[in-house]
Each structure stands twice: as structure tokens, then as C-alpha cells.
Amino acid sequence: MTDKEKMHSGDIYYPSGDEIMTEQLACLDKLYDFNATRPSELDKRAELLKEMFAEIGEDCYIEPPLHANWAGKNVHFGKAVYANFGLTLVDDTHIYVGDNTMFAPNVVVATAGHPINPELRAKAYQYNMPVHIGKNCWLGAGVLVMPGVTIGDNTVIGAGSVVTKDIPSNVVAYGNPCRVIREIGEHDKVYYYKDKKINYEDL
């Protein structure tokens, strides 16, 4: 198995060989172009994202700057995904994000890790584990999602959380390490923030 094949196998590999670096640099040139677009160049941004990402659904919006190891080459976005400033996608292997999910500023989604063994780490070896984020999720500002994690549908991850383990659907979770605080339920159909009630007639 080649190092490029090992990128998606979970095996330890060397990420700086000529074949990998040549392909990665070509991807990063497109990312540079995306981040250099003007705010009014929405159509250009949309076209670049189609070239950069493995999959990107309709009505996705990513606010530059976007940081990504492979410029989204291994990223799969559903429809209407929104990312605020400073999203970082360590996309050395696949990242899957469902429809209508939102990323607040400075979220990091990481698939890459390095061996604890210092001898291997000194030689720059790494391994990658895919990340799955469900539909209609909201990841608050500064959330860190670690390699191999799955986050279920409709879940809210509070700002500043470090997600090291799977989080189920339909919950509010936060902390370091991130943990489930409560289920999303009837209370959330009435209140949107503390004692602030939702006025459905105005929506």
C-alpha cells in the first residue's frame, strides 16, 4: 500500500513524499484563490468550492478565510452548510457534514493525528481518522472536533468545547472534554435564549 493509499486507511504513513506534496500544493493554490476573493464575488467563491471540495451541496456558504490541509479535497458537505470566519478543516482524510449544519467562527475539524511514540513523531509520521457531523447541527465558536469523532443530527456543541468522543443526536453538549448536558426537547420549542420566548407569529 502506498502512502497516498494509507491516508484513508487509518494506517501510519509519511505525509511529505513527493507524490502527496505535489498534489496537495495544487489544491492549496485553489484555496489561496478562494481566500483572495472579494466579498462581492459570491459566484466565483461558489465555483471554486465546487472545484475544491469532494462534494458540496447547493446553497453552501463559507466565509473566508478558510483553512484546509487539502483545500476541501476530502470534504463532503450537504446542502445549505454555513461556515463563519476561520473554519479549519484538517482534511487529510474524509470529513462528512450533513445538510443545514452551521459552524461558528474558528471551528477546527481535525482528521489527522501523530503517534505518541516520539521516535515516529520525530520522523513526521501521521495517521488519519474520518469525522462525521450530522444534519442540522450547530458548532459554537472555537469548537475543536478530534479525529474519528461522530456527531449526531440536530446536536448543538457549545462554544470552546473539545470533542474527543462521539456525541449522539438531539442533544446539547459542551465542555472539555465535551459531554452531553441535556436532550433537546419541548423547552427549546418555547425559549430560544434563557427566558426569551419564541414568537412564532413574527417568524
N, C-alpha and C. Protein backbone atom coordinates (compact mmCIF):
# COMPACT_ATOMS: atom_id res chain seq x y z
N MET A 1 0.84 -1.20 0.00
CA MET A 1 0.00 0.00 0.00
C MET A 1 0.88 1.25 0.00
N THR A 2 0.56 2.19 -0.87
CA THR A 2 1.34 3.42 -0.95
C THR A 2 0.95 4.37 0.19
N ASP A 3 1.81 5.38 0.43
CA ASP A 3 1.49 6.37 1.45
C ASP A 3 0.18 7.09 1.12
N LYS A 4 -0.06 7.36 -0.14
CA LYS A 4 -1.30 8.03 -0.53
C LYS A 4 -2.52 7.16 -0.20
N GLU A 5 -2.40 5.87 -0.42
CA GLU A 5 -3.50 4.95 -0.08
C GLU A 5 -3.70 4.88 1.43
N LYS A 6 -2.60 4.95 2.17
CA LYS A 6 -2.68 4.87 3.63
C LYS A 6 -3.36 6.09 4.25
N MET A 7 -3.43 7.19 3.50
CA MET A 7 -4.09 8.38 4.01
C MET A 7 -5.52 8.10 4.46
N HIS A 8 -6.18 7.16 3.78
CA HIS A 8 -7.59 6.90 4.05
C HIS A 8 -7.81 5.52 4.68
N SER A 9 -6.75 4.90 5.14
CA SER A 9 -6.87 3.55 5.70
C SER A 9 -6.78 3.51 7.22
N GLY A 10 -6.35 4.61 7.83
CA GLY A 10 -6.10 4.62 9.27
C GLY A 10 -4.71 4.17 9.65
N ASP A 11 -3.90 3.75 8.66
CA ASP A 11 -2.54 3.30 8.93
C ASP A 11 -1.59 4.49 9.10
N ILE A 12 -0.47 4.27 9.77
CA ILE A 12 0.58 5.27 9.89
C ILE A 12 1.27 5.42 8.53
N TYR A 13 1.52 6.66 8.15
CA TYR A 13 2.15 6.90 6.85
C TYR A 13 3.00 8.17 6.92
N TYR A 14 3.79 8.38 5.86
CA TYR A 14 4.64 9.56 5.76
C TYR A 14 3.96 10.56 4.83
N PRO A 15 3.55 11.74 5.34
CA PRO A 15 2.72 12.64 4.54
C PRO A 15 3.47 13.61 3.64
N SER A 16 4.79 13.54 3.64
CA SER A 16 5.56 14.57 2.93
C SER A 16 6.33 14.03 1.73
N GLY A 17 5.91 12.89 1.19
CA GLY A 17 6.54 12.37 -0.02
C GLY A 17 6.20 13.22 -1.24
N ASP A 18 6.95 13.05 -2.30
CA ASP A 18 6.80 13.90 -3.48
C ASP A 18 5.41 13.82 -4.09
N GLU A 19 4.85 12.60 -4.21
CA GLU A 19 3.54 12.44 -4.84
C GLU A 19 2.46 13.20 -4.06
N ILE A 20 2.46 13.02 -2.75
CA ILE A 20 1.46 13.68 -1.91
C ILE A 20 1.65 15.19 -1.93
N MET A 21 2.88 15.67 -1.79
CA MET A 21 3.12 17.10 -1.70
C MET A 21 2.77 17.82 -3.00
N THR A 22 3.06 17.21 -4.14
CA THR A 22 2.74 17.83 -5.42
C THR A 22 1.24 18.03 -5.57
N GLU A 23 0.47 16.99 -5.24
CA GLU A 23 -0.99 17.09 -5.34
C GLU A 23 -1.56 18.07 -4.32
N GLN A 24 -1.00 18.04 -3.12
CA GLN A 24 -1.51 18.92 -2.07
C GLN A 24 -1.26 20.39 -2.41
N LEU A 25 -0.11 20.70 -2.94
CA LEU A 25 0.20 22.09 -3.29
C LEU A 25 -0.75 22.62 -4.37
N ALA A 26 -1.11 21.79 -5.32
CA ALA A 26 -2.07 22.21 -6.35
C ALA A 26 -3.42 22.55 -5.73
N CYS A 27 -3.82 21.76 -4.74
CA CYS A 27 -5.07 22.05 -4.03
C CYS A 27 -4.98 23.37 -3.27
N LEU A 28 -3.86 23.59 -2.62
CA LEU A 28 -3.69 24.78 -1.80
C LEU A 28 -3.64 26.05 -2.63
N ASP A 29 -3.20 25.95 -3.88
CA ASP A 29 -3.26 27.11 -4.78
C ASP A 29 -4.70 27.56 -4.99
N LYS A 30 -5.63 26.60 -5.13
CA LYS A 30 -7.05 26.95 -5.28
C LYS A 30 -7.60 27.57 -4.00
N LEU A 31 -7.16 27.04 -2.87
CA LEU A 31 -7.59 27.61 -1.59
C LEU A 31 -7.12 29.06 -1.46
N TYR A 32 -5.91 29.32 -1.91
CA TYR A 32 -5.38 30.69 -1.90
C TYR A 32 -6.28 31.60 -2.73
N ASP A 33 -6.68 31.12 -3.91
CA ASP A 33 -7.56 31.91 -4.77
C ASP A 33 -8.90 32.17 -4.09
N PHE A 34 -9.45 31.16 -3.42
CA PHE A 34 -10.73 31.33 -2.72
C PHE A 34 -10.62 32.40 -1.64
N ASN A 35 -9.57 32.33 -0.85
CA ASN A 35 -9.40 33.28 0.25
C ASN A 35 -9.08 34.69 -0.23
N ALA A 36 -8.66 34.82 -1.49
CA ALA A 36 -8.34 36.13 -2.05
C ALA A 36 -9.53 36.79 -2.74
N THR A 37 -10.68 36.13 -2.76
CA THR A 37 -11.84 36.71 -3.41
C THR A 37 -12.39 37.90 -2.63
N ARG A 38 -13.03 38.80 -3.37
CA ARG A 38 -13.70 39.94 -2.75
C ARG A 38 -15.06 39.50 -2.19
N PRO A 39 -15.58 40.20 -1.19
CA PRO A 39 -16.90 39.84 -0.65
C PRO A 39 -18.01 39.83 -1.68
N SER A 40 -17.89 40.63 -2.73
CA SER A 40 -18.92 40.68 -3.77
C SER A 40 -18.81 39.55 -4.79
N GLU A 41 -17.73 38.77 -4.74
CA GLU A 41 -17.50 37.73 -5.75
C GLU A 41 -18.10 36.38 -5.30
N LEU A 42 -19.38 36.40 -5.02
CA LEU A 42 -20.03 35.20 -4.49
C LEU A 42 -20.07 34.07 -5.50
N ASP A 43 -20.31 34.39 -6.75
CA ASP A 43 -20.36 33.36 -7.79
C ASP A 43 -18.99 32.70 -7.96
N LYS A 44 -17.94 33.51 -7.92
CA LYS A 44 -16.58 32.97 -8.05
C LYS A 44 -16.27 32.05 -6.88
N ARG A 45 -16.67 32.44 -5.67
CA ARG A 45 -16.45 31.59 -4.50
C ARG A 45 -17.16 30.25 -4.66
N ALA A 46 -18.40 30.31 -5.12
CA ALA A 46 -19.18 29.08 -5.28
C ALA A 46 -18.54 28.14 -6.30
N GLU A 47 -18.04 28.69 -7.38
CA GLU A 47 -17.39 27.86 -8.40
C GLU A 47 -16.10 27.24 -7.87
N LEU A 48 -15.32 28.01 -7.14
CA LEU A 48 -14.09 27.48 -6.57
C LEU A 48 -14.37 26.36 -5.58
N LEU A 49 -15.40 26.52 -4.76
CA LEU A 49 -15.74 25.47 -3.80
C LEU A 49 -16.11 24.17 -4.51
N LYS A 50 -16.80 24.27 -5.65
CA LYS A 50 -17.13 23.07 -6.42
C LYS A 50 -15.87 22.38 -6.93
N GLU A 51 -14.86 23.15 -7.28
CA GLU A 51 -13.58 22.57 -7.74
C GLU A 51 -12.79 22.00 -6.57
N MET A 52 -12.86 22.63 -5.42
CA MET A 52 -12.01 22.27 -4.29
C MET A 52 -12.52 21.08 -3.50
N PHE A 53 -13.83 21.03 -3.26
CA PHE A 53 -14.41 20.04 -2.35
C PHE A 53 -14.71 18.73 -3.05
N ALA A 54 -14.66 17.64 -2.28
CA ALA A 54 -15.08 16.34 -2.82
C ALA A 54 -16.55 16.39 -3.19
N GLU A 55 -17.37 16.98 -2.31
CA GLU A 55 -18.79 17.18 -2.55
C GLU A 55 -19.22 18.45 -1.84
N ILE A 56 -20.04 19.25 -2.50
CA ILE A 56 -20.61 20.43 -1.83
C ILE A 56 -21.99 20.67 -2.39
N GLY A 57 -22.99 20.66 -1.49
CA GLY A 57 -24.37 20.80 -1.91
C GLY A 57 -24.74 22.23 -2.25
N GLU A 58 -25.99 22.40 -2.69
CA GLU A 58 -26.49 23.71 -3.04
C GLU A 58 -26.60 24.60 -1.80
N ASP A 59 -26.43 25.90 -2.03
CA ASP A 59 -26.64 26.92 -1.00
C ASP A 59 -25.67 26.83 0.18
N CYS A 60 -24.50 26.26 -0.04
CA CYS A 60 -23.47 26.29 1.00
C CYS A 60 -22.77 27.65 0.96
N TYR A 61 -22.37 28.12 2.13
CA TYR A 61 -21.65 29.39 2.20
C TYR A 61 -20.53 29.27 3.21
N ILE A 62 -19.32 29.57 2.76
CA ILE A 62 -18.14 29.55 3.63
C ILE A 62 -17.51 30.93 3.58
N GLU A 63 -17.41 31.55 4.74
CA GLU A 63 -16.82 32.88 4.84
C GLU A 63 -15.30 32.75 4.92
N PRO A 64 -14.55 33.35 3.98
CA PRO A 64 -13.09 33.34 4.12
C PRO A 64 -12.66 34.10 5.38
N PRO A 65 -11.52 33.76 5.96
CA PRO A 65 -10.58 32.76 5.45
C PRO A 65 -10.97 31.33 5.85
N LEU A 66 -10.84 30.44 4.90
CA LEU A 66 -10.97 29.01 5.13
C LEU A 66 -9.57 28.42 5.15
N HIS A 67 -9.31 27.55 6.13
CA HIS A 67 -8.03 26.85 6.20
C HIS A 67 -8.31 25.36 6.05
N ALA A 68 -7.59 24.70 5.16
CA ALA A 68 -7.81 23.27 4.95
C ALA A 68 -6.54 22.65 4.38
N ASN A 69 -6.11 21.55 4.97
CA ASN A 69 -4.86 20.91 4.53
C ASN A 69 -4.88 20.55 3.05
N TRP A 70 -6.06 20.13 2.57
CA TRP A 70 -6.22 19.73 1.18
C TRP A 70 -7.27 20.57 0.47
N ALA A 71 -7.54 21.77 1.00
CA ALA A 71 -8.46 22.71 0.37
C ALA A 71 -9.86 22.14 0.18
N GLY A 72 -10.21 21.13 0.98
CA GLY A 72 -11.54 20.53 0.87
C GLY A 72 -11.60 19.31 -0.02
N LYS A 73 -10.48 18.86 -0.55
CA LYS A 73 -10.47 17.71 -1.46
C LYS A 73 -11.12 16.47 -0.84
N ASN A 74 -11.03 16.33 0.48
CA ASN A 74 -11.60 15.17 1.17
C ASN A 74 -12.79 15.55 2.05
N VAL A 75 -13.46 16.67 1.70
CA VAL A 75 -14.59 17.17 2.49
C VAL A 75 -15.88 17.00 1.71
N HIS A 76 -16.90 16.51 2.41
CA HIS A 76 -18.21 16.24 1.80
C HIS A 76 -19.26 17.04 2.56
N PHE A 77 -19.74 18.12 1.97
CA PHE A 77 -20.77 18.97 2.59
C PHE A 77 -22.12 18.68 1.94
N GLY A 78 -23.16 18.59 2.76
CA GLY A 78 -24.51 18.51 2.24
C GLY A 78 -25.00 19.87 1.77
N LYS A 79 -26.31 20.06 1.77
CA LYS A 79 -26.90 21.32 1.32
C LYS A 79 -26.94 22.34 2.45
N ALA A 80 -26.81 23.62 2.07
CA ALA A 80 -27.03 24.74 2.97
C ALA A 80 -26.17 24.68 4.23
N VAL A 81 -24.94 24.20 4.09
CA VAL A 81 -23.98 24.26 5.20
C VAL A 81 -23.41 25.68 5.26
N TYR A 82 -23.34 26.23 6.47
CA TYR A 82 -22.83 27.59 6.66
C TYR A 82 -21.61 27.55 7.58
N ALA A 83 -20.55 28.24 7.16
CA ALA A 83 -19.34 28.33 7.98
C ALA A 83 -18.93 29.79 8.10
N ASN A 84 -18.83 30.27 9.32
CA ASN A 84 -18.39 31.63 9.59
C ASN A 84 -16.86 31.70 9.46
N PHE A 85 -16.28 32.86 9.78
CA PHE A 85 -14.85 33.10 9.59
C PHE A 85 -13.99 32.04 10.28
N GLY A 86 -12.90 31.68 9.59
CA GLY A 86 -11.83 30.93 10.23
C GLY A 86 -12.07 29.44 10.43
N LEU A 87 -12.95 28.83 9.62
CA LEU A 87 -13.10 27.37 9.70
C LEU A 87 -11.81 26.69 9.28
N THR A 88 -11.35 25.73 10.09
CA THR A 88 -10.17 24.94 9.77
C THR A 88 -10.57 23.49 9.60
N LEU A 89 -10.30 22.93 8.43
CA LEU A 89 -10.60 21.54 8.11
C LEU A 89 -9.28 20.81 7.87
N VAL A 90 -8.89 20.01 8.82
CA VAL A 90 -7.68 19.20 8.65
C VAL A 90 -8.12 17.95 7.89
N ASP A 91 -8.24 18.12 6.58
CA ASP A 91 -8.91 17.12 5.74
C ASP A 91 -7.93 16.16 5.07
N ASP A 92 -7.03 15.60 5.86
CA ASP A 92 -6.11 14.61 5.31
C ASP A 92 -6.84 13.31 4.98
N THR A 93 -7.97 13.08 5.61
CA THR A 93 -8.91 12.06 5.15
C THR A 93 -10.30 12.66 5.22
N HIS A 94 -11.35 11.86 5.09
CA HIS A 94 -12.68 12.37 4.79
C HIS A 94 -13.37 13.01 5.99
N ILE A 95 -14.03 14.14 5.72
CA ILE A 95 -14.91 14.84 6.66
C ILE A 95 -16.28 14.92 6.01
N TYR A 96 -17.30 14.42 6.71
CA TYR A 96 -18.67 14.41 6.20
C TYR A 96 -19.53 15.33 7.07
N VAL A 97 -20.27 16.25 6.43
CA VAL A 97 -21.11 17.21 7.14
C VAL A 97 -22.49 17.21 6.48
N GLY A 98 -23.54 17.03 7.31
CA GLY A 98 -24.89 16.94 6.78
C GLY A 98 -25.51 18.29 6.47
N ASP A 99 -26.70 18.25 5.84
CA ASP A 99 -27.42 19.44 5.43
C ASP A 99 -27.69 20.38 6.61
N ASN A 100 -27.64 21.69 6.32
CA ASN A 100 -28.08 22.74 7.26
C ASN A 100 -27.25 22.84 8.54
N THR A 101 -26.08 22.27 8.54
CA THR A 101 -25.20 22.40 9.70
C THR A 101 -24.49 23.75 9.65
N MET A 102 -24.26 24.34 10.84
CA MET A 102 -23.64 25.65 10.95
C MET A 102 -22.37 25.58 11.79
N PHE A 103 -21.33 26.26 11.31
CA PHE A 103 -20.07 26.39 12.04
C PHE A 103 -19.89 27.86 12.44
N ALA A 104 -19.77 28.12 13.73
CA ALA A 104 -19.46 29.47 14.21
C ALA A 104 -17.98 29.77 13.91
N PRO A 105 -17.51 31.00 14.21
CA PRO A 105 -16.12 31.33 13.91
C PRO A 105 -15.11 30.42 14.60
N ASN A 106 -14.03 30.14 13.86
CA ASN A 106 -12.83 29.48 14.39
C ASN A 106 -13.06 28.05 14.89
N VAL A 107 -13.95 27.33 14.22
CA VAL A 107 -14.11 25.90 14.50
C VAL A 107 -13.00 25.14 13.79
N VAL A 108 -12.50 24.08 14.46
CA VAL A 108 -11.49 23.19 13.88
C VAL A 108 -12.05 21.77 13.82
N VAL A 109 -12.01 21.18 12.64
CA VAL A 109 -12.38 19.77 12.47
C VAL A 109 -11.13 19.04 11.98
N ALA A 110 -10.59 18.17 12.82
CA ALA A 110 -9.30 17.54 12.55
C ALA A 110 -9.47 16.04 12.30
N THR A 111 -8.85 15.55 11.24
CA THR A 111 -8.81 14.10 10.99
C THR A 111 -7.43 13.51 11.24
N ALA A 112 -6.41 14.33 11.35
CA ALA A 112 -5.03 13.84 11.42
C ALA A 112 -4.53 13.75 12.85
N GLY A 113 -3.76 12.71 13.12
CA GLY A 113 -3.08 12.55 14.40
C GLY A 113 -1.67 12.08 14.19
N HIS A 114 -0.89 12.10 15.25
CA HIS A 114 0.50 11.66 15.19
C HIS A 114 0.77 10.66 16.30
N PRO A 115 1.64 9.68 16.06
CA PRO A 115 1.92 8.67 17.10
C PRO A 115 2.46 9.31 18.37
N ILE A 116 2.10 8.74 19.50
CA ILE A 116 2.66 9.19 20.77
C ILE A 116 4.15 8.87 20.85
N ASN A 117 4.56 7.77 20.23
CA ASN A 117 5.96 7.36 20.20
C ASN A 117 6.83 8.49 19.64
N PRO A 118 7.74 9.07 20.43
CA PRO A 118 8.49 10.23 19.97
C PRO A 118 9.40 9.94 18.79
N GLU A 119 9.86 8.69 18.67
CA GLU A 119 10.75 8.36 17.55
C GLU A 119 10.00 8.44 16.23
N LEU A 120 8.77 7.95 16.22
CA LEU A 120 7.97 8.04 14.99
C LEU A 120 7.53 9.47 14.72
N ARG A 121 7.20 10.19 15.77
CA ARG A 121 6.75 11.57 15.60
C ARG A 121 7.87 12.45 15.07
N ALA A 122 9.10 12.17 15.49
CA ALA A 122 10.25 12.94 15.01
C ALA A 122 10.47 12.76 13.51
N LYS A 123 9.97 11.65 12.97
CA LYS A 123 10.08 11.38 11.53
C LYS A 123 8.85 11.85 10.77
N ALA A 124 7.95 12.59 11.47
CA ALA A 124 6.78 13.24 10.87
C ALA A 124 5.72 12.26 10.39
N TYR A 125 5.68 11.06 10.98
CA TYR A 125 4.61 10.12 10.61
C TYR A 125 3.28 10.59 11.16
N GLN A 126 2.19 10.22 10.49
CA GLN A 126 0.86 10.55 10.97
C GLN A 126 -0.12 9.46 10.56
N TYR A 127 -1.34 9.57 11.08
CA TYR A 127 -2.45 8.70 10.70
C TYR A 127 -3.69 9.58 10.65
N ASN A 128 -4.72 9.11 9.94
CA ASN A 128 -5.94 9.90 9.78
C ASN A 128 -7.17 9.06 10.08
N MET A 129 -8.15 9.66 10.74
CA MET A 129 -9.42 9.02 11.03
C MET A 129 -10.55 9.95 10.60
N PRO A 130 -11.55 9.46 9.87
CA PRO A 130 -12.61 10.32 9.35
C PRO A 130 -13.50 10.89 10.45
N VAL A 131 -14.12 12.02 10.14
CA VAL A 131 -15.06 12.68 11.05
C VAL A 131 -16.42 12.76 10.36
N HIS A 132 -17.49 12.48 11.13
CA HIS A 132 -18.86 12.57 10.63
C HIS A 132 -19.64 13.55 11.50
N ILE A 133 -20.23 14.57 10.88
CA ILE A 133 -21.08 15.53 11.58
C ILE A 133 -22.44 15.50 10.90
N GLY A 134 -23.50 15.33 11.68
CA GLY A 134 -24.83 15.10 11.13
C GLY A 134 -25.49 16.32 10.54
N LYS A 135 -26.78 16.16 10.25
CA LYS A 135 -27.59 17.23 9.68
C LYS A 135 -28.05 18.19 10.79
N ASN A 136 -28.18 19.47 10.41
CA ASN A 136 -28.81 20.47 11.27
C ASN A 136 -28.11 20.61 12.62
N CYS A 137 -26.81 20.48 12.62
CA CYS A 137 -26.02 20.69 13.83
C CYS A 137 -25.55 22.15 13.90
N TRP A 138 -25.20 22.58 15.09
CA TRP A 138 -24.61 23.90 15.30
C TRP A 138 -23.40 23.73 16.20
N LEU A 139 -22.22 24.07 15.65
CA LEU A 139 -20.98 24.02 16.41
C LEU A 139 -20.59 25.45 16.76
N GLY A 140 -20.53 25.75 18.06
CA GLY A 140 -20.26 27.10 18.53
C GLY A 140 -18.82 27.54 18.30
N ALA A 141 -18.56 28.80 18.58
CA ALA A 141 -17.25 29.39 18.31
C ALA A 141 -16.13 28.64 19.03
N GLY A 142 -15.07 28.36 18.28
CA GLY A 142 -13.88 27.77 18.87
C GLY A 142 -13.99 26.30 19.20
N VAL A 143 -14.99 25.60 18.69
CA VAL A 143 -15.11 24.16 18.94
C VAL A 143 -13.99 23.42 18.23
N LEU A 144 -13.43 22.40 18.90
CA LEU A 144 -12.41 21.53 18.32
C LEU A 144 -12.98 20.11 18.23
N VAL A 145 -13.01 19.56 17.03
CA VAL A 145 -13.51 18.20 16.81
C VAL A 145 -12.31 17.32 16.45
N MET A 146 -12.08 16.28 17.22
CA MET A 146 -10.90 15.45 17.09
C MET A 146 -11.11 14.29 16.10
N PRO A 147 -10.01 13.68 15.63
CA PRO A 147 -10.10 12.61 14.64
C PRO A 147 -10.99 11.45 15.10
N GLY A 148 -11.78 10.94 14.15
CA GLY A 148 -12.58 9.75 14.39
C GLY A 148 -13.92 9.99 15.05
N VAL A 149 -14.27 11.25 15.34
CA VAL A 149 -15.49 11.58 16.08
C VAL A 149 -16.70 11.57 15.15
N THR A 150 -17.86 11.14 15.68
CA THR A 150 -19.15 11.27 15.02
C THR A 150 -20.07 12.12 15.91
N ILE A 151 -20.72 13.11 15.31
CA ILE A 151 -21.70 13.95 15.99
C ILE A 151 -23.05 13.73 15.31
N GLY A 152 -24.07 13.40 16.09
CA GLY A 152 -25.37 13.06 15.53
C GLY A 152 -26.17 14.26 15.05
N ASP A 153 -27.30 13.99 14.38
CA ASP A 153 -28.16 15.03 13.81
C ASP A 153 -28.73 15.94 14.90
N ASN A 154 -28.92 17.21 14.53
CA ASN A 154 -29.61 18.22 15.34
C ASN A 154 -28.88 18.64 16.61
N THR A 155 -27.70 18.15 16.82
CA THR A 155 -26.97 18.40 18.06
C THR A 155 -26.29 19.77 18.06
N VAL A 156 -26.27 20.39 19.23
CA VAL A 156 -25.58 21.67 19.44
C VAL A 156 -24.35 21.41 20.30
N ILE A 157 -23.20 21.87 19.81
CA ILE A 157 -21.94 21.77 20.56
C ILE A 157 -21.57 23.17 21.03
N GLY A 158 -21.50 23.38 22.34
CA GLY A 158 -21.25 24.69 22.90
C GLY A 158 -19.87 25.24 22.59
N ALA A 159 -19.77 26.55 22.59
CA ALA A 159 -18.52 27.23 22.25
C ALA A 159 -17.37 26.76 23.13
N GLY A 160 -16.20 26.61 22.49
CA GLY A 160 -14.99 26.25 23.21
C GLY A 160 -14.85 24.79 23.57
N SER A 161 -15.78 23.96 23.14
CA SER A 161 -15.73 22.54 23.50
C SER A 161 -14.64 21.80 22.74
N VAL A 162 -14.11 20.76 23.37
CA VAL A 162 -13.15 19.86 22.74
C VAL A 162 -13.82 18.48 22.63
N VAL A 163 -14.20 18.12 21.41
CA VAL A 163 -14.98 16.90 21.19
C VAL A 163 -14.03 15.75 20.90
N THR A 164 -13.86 14.89 21.90
CA THR A 164 -12.92 13.77 21.78
C THR A 164 -13.62 12.43 21.58
N LYS A 165 -14.94 12.38 21.84
CA LYS A 165 -15.70 11.14 21.70
C LYS A 165 -17.01 11.43 20.97
N ASP A 166 -17.64 10.37 20.48
CA ASP A 166 -18.90 10.52 19.76
C ASP A 166 -19.95 11.20 20.63
N ILE A 167 -20.77 12.05 19.98
CA ILE A 167 -21.89 12.73 20.64
C ILE A 167 -23.16 12.33 19.89
N PRO A 168 -24.23 11.91 20.60
CA PRO A 168 -25.43 11.42 19.92
C PRO A 168 -26.26 12.55 19.30
N SER A 169 -27.33 12.19 18.63
CA SER A 169 -28.26 13.15 18.04
C SER A 169 -29.12 13.81 19.11
N ASN A 170 -29.63 15.01 18.77
CA ASN A 170 -30.68 15.68 19.54
C ASN A 170 -30.28 16.02 20.97
N VAL A 171 -29.04 16.49 21.14
CA VAL A 171 -28.59 16.88 22.48
C VAL A 171 -27.84 18.20 22.41
N VAL A 172 -27.74 18.84 23.58
CA VAL A 172 -26.82 19.96 23.79
C VAL A 172 -25.62 19.40 24.55
N ALA A 173 -24.44 19.64 24.03
CA ALA A 173 -23.22 19.11 24.65
C ALA A 173 -22.16 20.20 24.67
N TYR A 174 -21.38 20.23 25.75
CA TYR A 174 -20.26 21.17 25.79
C TYR A 174 -19.28 20.76 26.87
N GLY A 175 -18.12 21.43 26.83
CA GLY A 175 -17.10 21.17 27.83
C GLY A 175 -15.81 20.66 27.25
N ASN A 176 -14.81 20.49 28.12
CA ASN A 176 -13.51 19.95 27.75
C ASN A 176 -13.11 18.90 28.79
N PRO A 177 -13.29 17.61 28.42
CA PRO A 177 -13.81 17.12 27.14
C PRO A 177 -15.31 17.32 27.02
N CYS A 178 -15.80 17.42 25.78
CA CYS A 178 -17.21 17.65 25.53
C CYS A 178 -18.04 16.48 26.04
N ARG A 179 -19.18 16.80 26.68
CA ARG A 179 -20.06 15.76 27.19
C ARG A 179 -21.51 16.22 27.03
N VAL A 180 -22.42 15.28 26.98
CA VAL A 180 -23.84 15.60 26.84
C VAL A 180 -24.33 16.26 28.12
N ILE A 181 -24.99 17.42 27.98
CA ILE A 181 -25.55 18.15 29.11
C ILE A 181 -27.05 17.85 29.25
N ARG A 182 -27.75 17.85 28.13
CA ARG A 182 -29.18 17.56 28.16
C ARG A 182 -29.68 17.24 26.77
N GLU A 183 -30.87 16.68 26.69
CA GLU A 183 -31.53 16.44 25.41
C GLU A 183 -32.23 17.72 24.95
N ILE A 184 -32.38 17.87 23.64
CA ILE A 184 -33.18 18.94 23.07
C ILE A 184 -34.65 18.50 23.16
N GLY A 185 -35.53 19.38 23.70
CA GLY A 185 -36.91 18.95 23.93
C GLY A 185 -37.92 20.07 23.83
N GLU A 186 -39.04 19.91 24.55
CA GLU A 186 -40.16 20.85 24.48
C GLU A 186 -39.76 22.25 24.93
N HIS A 187 -38.87 22.36 25.91
CA HIS A 187 -38.42 23.67 26.38
C HIS A 187 -37.86 24.50 25.23
N ASP A 188 -37.15 23.85 24.33
CA ASP A 188 -36.49 24.56 23.23
C ASP A 188 -37.46 25.00 22.16
N LYS A 189 -38.69 24.48 22.18
CA LYS A 189 -39.74 24.95 21.27
C LYS A 189 -40.38 26.23 21.79
N VAL A 190 -40.15 26.55 23.06
CA VAL A 190 -40.75 27.73 23.68
C VAL A 190 -39.73 28.85 23.85
N TYR A 191 -38.52 28.52 24.27
CA TYR A 191 -37.49 29.52 24.57
C TYR A 191 -36.31 29.37 23.62
N TYR A 192 -35.80 30.52 23.15
CA TYR A 192 -34.63 30.50 22.29
C TYR A 192 -33.36 30.92 23.02
N TYR A 193 -33.52 31.67 24.14
CA TYR A 193 -32.34 32.11 24.92
C TYR A 193 -32.82 32.46 26.32
N LYS A 194 -32.36 31.69 27.29
CA LYS A 194 -32.73 31.90 28.69
C LYS A 194 -34.25 32.03 28.81
N ASP A 195 -34.77 33.23 29.24
CA ASP A 195 -36.21 33.38 29.41
C ASP A 195 -36.87 34.06 28.21
N LYS A 196 -36.16 34.14 27.09
CA LYS A 196 -36.69 34.77 25.88
C LYS A 196 -37.55 33.77 25.12
N LYS A 197 -38.85 34.09 24.98
CA LYS A 197 -39.77 33.19 24.30
C LYS A 197 -39.75 33.41 22.79
N ILE A 198 -39.98 32.33 22.06
CA ILE A 198 -40.07 32.39 20.61
C ILE A 198 -41.47 32.90 20.24
N ASN A 199 -41.54 33.95 19.45
CA ASN A 199 -42.81 34.45 18.93
C ASN A 199 -42.97 33.93 17.51
N TYR A 200 -43.66 32.82 17.38
CA TYR A 200 -43.77 32.17 16.09
C TYR A 200 -44.55 33.01 15.08
N GLU A 201 -45.42 33.91 15.56
CA GLU A 201 -46.20 34.74 14.66
C GLU A 201 -45.33 35.73 13.89
N ASP A 202 -44.19 36.07 14.47
CA ASP A 202 -43.28 37.02 13.82
C ASP A 202 -42.28 36.35 12.90
N LEU A 203 -42.22 35.03 12.90
CA LEU A 203 -41.22 34.32 12.10
C LEU A 203 -41.75 33.98 10.71
